[in-house]
Amino acid sequence: LNGYTVGAEWRANLTRTVKLRLSNDYSRQLDYSLLVPARSLQSAAGGTLRMSTATRFDFDLNRQWYTPQDEALQTSTRIFTRFNYQFLEYHVIAYLR
């Protein structure tokens, strides 16, 4: 099976406090558990918001659609957020999943 991947990515620093990123990937690959060709489409969005020099909020959303040949569509979603606060030499990090 000749596989391939096609993708596009966009990153922007909109201001000093806001950074964004978007990406899409499409691929054809071998499903090793079923030994059949499969198609995969993955979309991602994320960014960083810095309200001040001491605070930072990161977020990431990832969605994937996966279809092995002659099989049902499988989907997955991952959401990640993190808040970071720095006070002098100490960091306080909170993860939300």
N, C-alpha and C. Protein backbone atom coordinates (compact mmCIF):
# COMPACT_ATOMS: atom_id res chain seq x y z
N LEU A 1 0.85 -1.18 0.00
CA LEU A 1 0.00 0.00 0.00
C LEU A 1 0.89 1.24 0.00
N ASN A 2 0.66 2.09 -0.95
CA ASN A 2 1.35 3.37 -0.98
C ASN A 2 0.53 4.38 -0.19
N GLY A 3 1.02 4.79 0.94
CA GLY A 3 0.31 5.76 1.77
C GLY A 3 0.78 7.17 1.48
N TYR A 4 0.01 8.13 1.92
CA TYR A 4 0.39 9.53 1.76
C TYR A 4 -0.29 10.36 2.83
N THR A 5 0.24 11.54 3.03
CA THR A 5 -0.34 12.50 3.97
C THR A 5 -0.28 13.88 3.34
N VAL A 6 -1.39 14.60 3.42
CA VAL A 6 -1.48 15.97 2.94
C VAL A 6 -1.96 16.81 4.11
N GLY A 7 -1.30 17.92 4.35
CA GLY A 7 -1.69 18.73 5.50
C GLY A 7 -1.46 20.20 5.27
N ALA A 8 -2.12 20.99 6.11
CA ALA A 8 -1.96 22.44 6.08
C ALA A 8 -2.01 22.94 7.52
N GLU A 9 -1.20 23.97 7.79
CA GLU A 9 -1.16 24.52 9.14
C GLU A 9 -1.08 26.03 9.06
N TRP A 10 -1.77 26.70 9.99
CA TRP A 10 -1.75 28.16 10.07
C TRP A 10 -1.46 28.54 11.50
N ARG A 11 -0.48 29.42 11.70
CA ARG A 11 -0.14 29.93 13.03
C ARG A 11 -0.11 31.45 12.96
N ALA A 12 -0.60 32.07 14.02
CA ALA A 12 -0.62 33.54 14.03
C ALA A 12 -0.40 34.06 15.44
N ASN A 13 0.42 35.08 15.54
CA ASN A 13 0.54 35.87 16.77
C ASN A 13 -0.29 37.12 16.53
N LEU A 14 -1.56 37.06 16.95
CA LEU A 14 -2.47 38.17 16.67
C LEU A 14 -2.08 39.43 17.42
N THR A 15 -1.73 39.27 18.67
CA THR A 15 -1.20 40.36 19.49
C THR A 15 -0.12 39.77 20.37
N ARG A 16 0.43 40.59 21.26
CA ARG A 16 1.41 40.04 22.20
C ARG A 16 0.77 39.05 23.16
N THR A 17 -0.53 39.14 23.33
CA THR A 17 -1.21 38.30 24.32
C THR A 17 -1.99 37.13 23.72
N VAL A 18 -2.22 37.12 22.41
CA VAL A 18 -3.05 36.09 21.79
C VAL A 18 -2.28 35.40 20.65
N LYS A 19 -2.16 34.07 20.76
CA LYS A 19 -1.56 33.25 19.70
C LYS A 19 -2.57 32.16 19.33
N LEU A 20 -2.73 31.92 18.03
CA LEU A 20 -3.66 30.90 17.54
C LEU A 20 -2.97 29.97 16.56
N ARG A 21 -3.50 28.73 16.46
CA ARG A 21 -2.99 27.79 15.46
C ARG A 21 -4.13 26.88 15.01
N LEU A 22 -4.15 26.58 13.73
CA LEU A 22 -5.13 25.69 13.12
C LEU A 22 -4.39 24.73 12.20
N SER A 23 -4.85 23.48 12.14
CA SER A 23 -4.22 22.54 11.21
C SER A 23 -5.22 21.47 10.78
N ASN A 24 -4.99 20.95 9.59
CA ASN A 24 -5.77 19.86 9.01
C ASN A 24 -4.80 18.89 8.34
N ASP A 25 -5.05 17.59 8.52
CA ASP A 25 -4.25 16.56 7.87
C ASP A 25 -5.17 15.49 7.31
N TYR A 26 -4.89 15.06 6.11
CA TYR A 26 -5.61 13.94 5.50
C TYR A 26 -4.58 12.90 5.12
N SER A 27 -4.83 11.65 5.46
CA SER A 27 -3.84 10.62 5.11
C SER A 27 -4.52 9.32 4.74
N ARG A 28 -3.81 8.55 3.95
CA ARG A 28 -4.20 7.18 3.61
C ARG A 28 -3.06 6.30 4.10
N GLN A 29 -3.41 5.31 4.89
CA GLN A 29 -2.39 4.50 5.54
C GLN A 29 -2.88 3.08 5.72
N LEU A 30 -2.03 2.25 6.23
CA LEU A 30 -2.39 0.86 6.48
C LEU A 30 -2.85 0.72 7.93
N ASP A 31 -4.00 0.10 8.13
CA ASP A 31 -4.47 -0.24 9.47
C ASP A 31 -3.81 -1.57 9.83
N TYR A 32 -2.87 -1.53 10.75
CA TYR A 32 -2.07 -2.72 11.05
C TYR A 32 -2.85 -3.79 11.79
N SER A 33 -3.92 -3.43 12.50
CA SER A 33 -4.68 -4.46 13.20
C SER A 33 -5.60 -5.22 12.24
N LEU A 34 -6.13 -4.54 11.22
CA LEU A 34 -7.02 -5.20 10.24
C LEU A 34 -6.31 -5.56 8.94
N LEU A 35 -5.13 -4.98 8.72
CA LEU A 35 -4.35 -5.17 7.48
C LEU A 35 -5.13 -4.76 6.24
N VAL A 36 -5.80 -3.61 6.33
CA VAL A 36 -6.53 -3.03 5.21
C VAL A 36 -6.17 -1.55 5.12
N PRO A 37 -6.37 -0.92 3.95
CA PRO A 37 -6.15 0.52 3.84
C PRO A 37 -7.16 1.28 4.70
N ALA A 38 -6.75 2.44 5.16
CA ALA A 38 -7.63 3.29 5.97
C ALA A 38 -7.40 4.75 5.61
N ARG A 39 -8.44 5.55 5.82
CA ARG A 39 -8.35 7.00 5.61
C ARG A 39 -8.48 7.69 6.96
N SER A 40 -7.74 8.77 7.13
CA SER A 40 -7.76 9.51 8.38
C SER A 40 -7.81 11.00 8.08
N LEU A 41 -8.70 11.70 8.75
CA LEU A 41 -8.79 13.16 8.67
C LEU A 41 -8.67 13.69 10.08
N GLN A 42 -7.74 14.61 10.28
CA GLN A 42 -7.52 15.16 11.62
C GLN A 42 -7.54 16.68 11.54
N SER A 43 -8.30 17.31 12.43
CA SER A 43 -8.37 18.77 12.53
C SER A 43 -7.98 19.17 13.95
N ALA A 44 -7.23 20.25 14.06
CA ALA A 44 -6.79 20.71 15.37
C ALA A 44 -6.86 22.23 15.42
N ALA A 45 -7.17 22.75 16.60
CA ALA A 45 -7.17 24.18 16.85
C ALA A 45 -6.64 24.39 18.25
N GLY A 46 -5.92 25.47 18.43
CA GLY A 46 -5.38 25.74 19.75
C GLY A 46 -4.86 27.15 19.84
N GLY A 47 -4.43 27.49 21.03
CA GLY A 47 -3.90 28.82 21.20
C GLY A 47 -3.41 29.08 22.60
N THR A 48 -2.91 30.28 22.78
CA THR A 48 -2.39 30.74 24.06
C THR A 48 -2.90 32.14 24.31
N LEU A 49 -3.34 32.37 25.53
CA LEU A 49 -3.80 33.69 25.96
C LEU A 49 -2.98 34.08 27.18
N ARG A 50 -2.25 35.19 27.06
CA ARG A 50 -1.46 35.70 28.19
C ARG A 50 -2.10 36.98 28.68
N MET A 51 -2.84 36.87 29.80
CA MET A 51 -3.52 38.03 30.35
C MET A 51 -2.53 39.02 30.98
N SER A 52 -1.43 38.50 31.53
CA SER A 52 -0.36 39.32 32.08
C SER A 52 0.93 38.52 31.96
N THR A 53 2.05 39.07 32.40
CA THR A 53 3.30 38.34 32.33
C THR A 53 3.33 37.16 33.28
N ALA A 54 2.47 37.16 34.31
CA ALA A 54 2.46 36.08 35.29
C ALA A 54 1.44 34.99 34.98
N THR A 55 0.50 35.24 34.08
CA THR A 55 -0.55 34.25 33.81
C THR A 55 -0.52 33.82 32.34
N ARG A 56 -0.93 32.58 32.15
CA ARG A 56 -0.97 32.01 30.79
C ARG A 56 -2.06 30.95 30.75
N PHE A 57 -2.88 31.00 29.69
CA PHE A 57 -3.94 30.01 29.48
C PHE A 57 -3.72 29.37 28.12
N ASP A 58 -3.53 28.04 28.10
CA ASP A 58 -3.34 27.28 26.86
C ASP A 58 -4.56 26.41 26.62
N PHE A 59 -4.94 26.26 25.37
CA PHE A 59 -6.04 25.36 25.03
C PHE A 59 -5.72 24.64 23.72
N ASP A 60 -6.27 23.44 23.61
CA ASP A 60 -6.02 22.62 22.42
C ASP A 60 -7.24 21.72 22.19
N LEU A 61 -7.75 21.73 20.99
CA LEU A 61 -8.87 20.87 20.59
C LEU A 61 -8.42 20.06 19.39
N ASN A 62 -8.58 18.74 19.47
CA ASN A 62 -8.14 17.86 18.40
C ASN A 62 -9.28 16.89 18.08
N ARG A 63 -9.64 16.78 16.81
CA ARG A 63 -10.73 15.90 16.37
C ARG A 63 -10.21 15.04 15.23
N GLN A 64 -10.49 13.72 15.28
CA GLN A 64 -10.02 12.82 14.24
C GLN A 64 -11.15 11.91 13.78
N TRP A 65 -11.21 11.71 12.45
CA TRP A 65 -12.15 10.78 11.82
C TRP A 65 -11.31 9.71 11.13
N TYR A 66 -11.56 8.45 11.45
CA TYR A 66 -10.73 7.35 10.97
C TYR A 66 -11.65 6.28 10.38
N THR A 67 -11.39 5.88 9.13
CA THR A 67 -12.23 4.90 8.45
C THR A 67 -11.39 3.83 7.78
N PRO A 68 -11.30 2.63 8.37
CA PRO A 68 -10.67 1.52 7.66
C PRO A 68 -11.58 1.05 6.52
N GLN A 69 -11.00 0.47 5.49
CA GLN A 69 -11.76 0.01 4.33
C GLN A 69 -12.82 -1.00 4.76
N ASP A 70 -14.04 -0.81 4.29
CA ASP A 70 -15.19 -1.70 4.57
C ASP A 70 -15.53 -1.78 6.06
N GLU A 71 -15.19 -0.76 6.83
CA GLU A 71 -15.50 -0.71 8.26
C GLU A 71 -16.23 0.58 8.57
N ALA A 72 -16.76 0.67 9.77
CA ALA A 72 -17.50 1.86 10.20
C ALA A 72 -16.55 3.01 10.55
N LEU A 73 -17.07 4.20 10.47
CA LEU A 73 -16.32 5.41 10.83
C LEU A 73 -16.05 5.42 12.33
N GLN A 74 -14.84 5.77 12.70
CA GLN A 74 -14.46 5.92 14.10
C GLN A 74 -14.04 7.36 14.32
N THR A 75 -14.47 7.96 15.43
CA THR A 75 -14.11 9.34 15.72
C THR A 75 -13.50 9.44 17.11
N SER A 76 -12.68 10.45 17.28
CA SER A 76 -12.11 10.73 18.60
C SER A 76 -11.97 12.24 18.77
N THR A 77 -12.09 12.68 20.02
CA THR A 77 -11.98 14.10 20.35
C THR A 77 -11.09 14.23 21.59
N ARG A 78 -10.18 15.19 21.55
CA ARG A 78 -9.34 15.46 22.71
C ARG A 78 -9.37 16.96 22.98
N ILE A 79 -9.68 17.32 24.21
CA ILE A 79 -9.69 18.72 24.62
C ILE A 79 -8.71 18.86 25.78
N PHE A 80 -7.82 19.83 25.68
CA PHE A 80 -6.83 20.05 26.73
C PHE A 80 -6.80 21.53 27.05
N THR A 81 -6.84 21.87 28.34
CA THR A 81 -6.67 23.25 28.77
C THR A 81 -5.71 23.28 29.94
N ARG A 82 -4.99 24.38 30.06
CA ARG A 82 -4.05 24.54 31.17
C ARG A 82 -3.98 26.02 31.53
N PHE A 83 -4.01 26.28 32.83
CA PHE A 83 -3.83 27.64 33.34
C PHE A 83 -2.56 27.65 34.18
N ASN A 84 -1.68 28.60 33.92
CA ASN A 84 -0.40 28.69 34.61
C ASN A 84 -0.30 30.07 35.24
N TYR A 85 0.01 30.10 36.53
CA TYR A 85 0.22 31.36 37.24
C TYR A 85 1.60 31.32 37.89
N GLN A 86 2.41 32.32 37.64
CA GLN A 86 3.76 32.37 38.19
C GLN A 86 3.86 33.53 39.18
N PHE A 87 4.28 33.19 40.40
CA PHE A 87 4.46 34.20 41.44
C PHE A 87 5.89 34.06 41.96
N LEU A 88 6.71 35.05 41.72
CA LEU A 88 8.13 35.03 42.05
C LEU A 88 8.79 33.79 41.46
N GLU A 89 9.24 32.86 42.27
CA GLU A 89 9.90 31.66 41.77
C GLU A 89 8.98 30.45 41.70
N TYR A 90 7.70 30.62 42.03
CA TYR A 90 6.78 29.50 42.12
C TYR A 90 5.78 29.50 40.98
N HIS A 91 5.42 28.32 40.50
CA HIS A 91 4.43 28.16 39.46
C HIS A 91 3.23 27.42 40.03
N VAL A 92 2.05 27.87 39.68
CA VAL A 92 0.83 27.16 40.00
C VAL A 92 0.20 26.78 38.68
N ILE A 93 0.04 25.48 38.42
CA ILE A 93 -0.48 25.00 37.15
C ILE A 93 -1.74 24.19 37.40
N ALA A 94 -2.81 24.50 36.69
CA ALA A 94 -4.06 23.77 36.80
C ALA A 94 -4.40 23.18 35.44
N TYR A 95 -4.64 21.88 35.39
CA TYR A 95 -5.02 21.21 34.15
C TYR A 95 -6.51 20.86 34.22
N LEU A 96 -7.20 21.10 33.15
CA LEU A 96 -8.60 20.72 33.02
C LEU A 96 -8.73 19.77 31.86
N ARG A 97 -9.32 18.60 32.10
CA ARG A 97 -9.45 17.63 31.03
C ARG A 97 -10.89 17.23 30.89
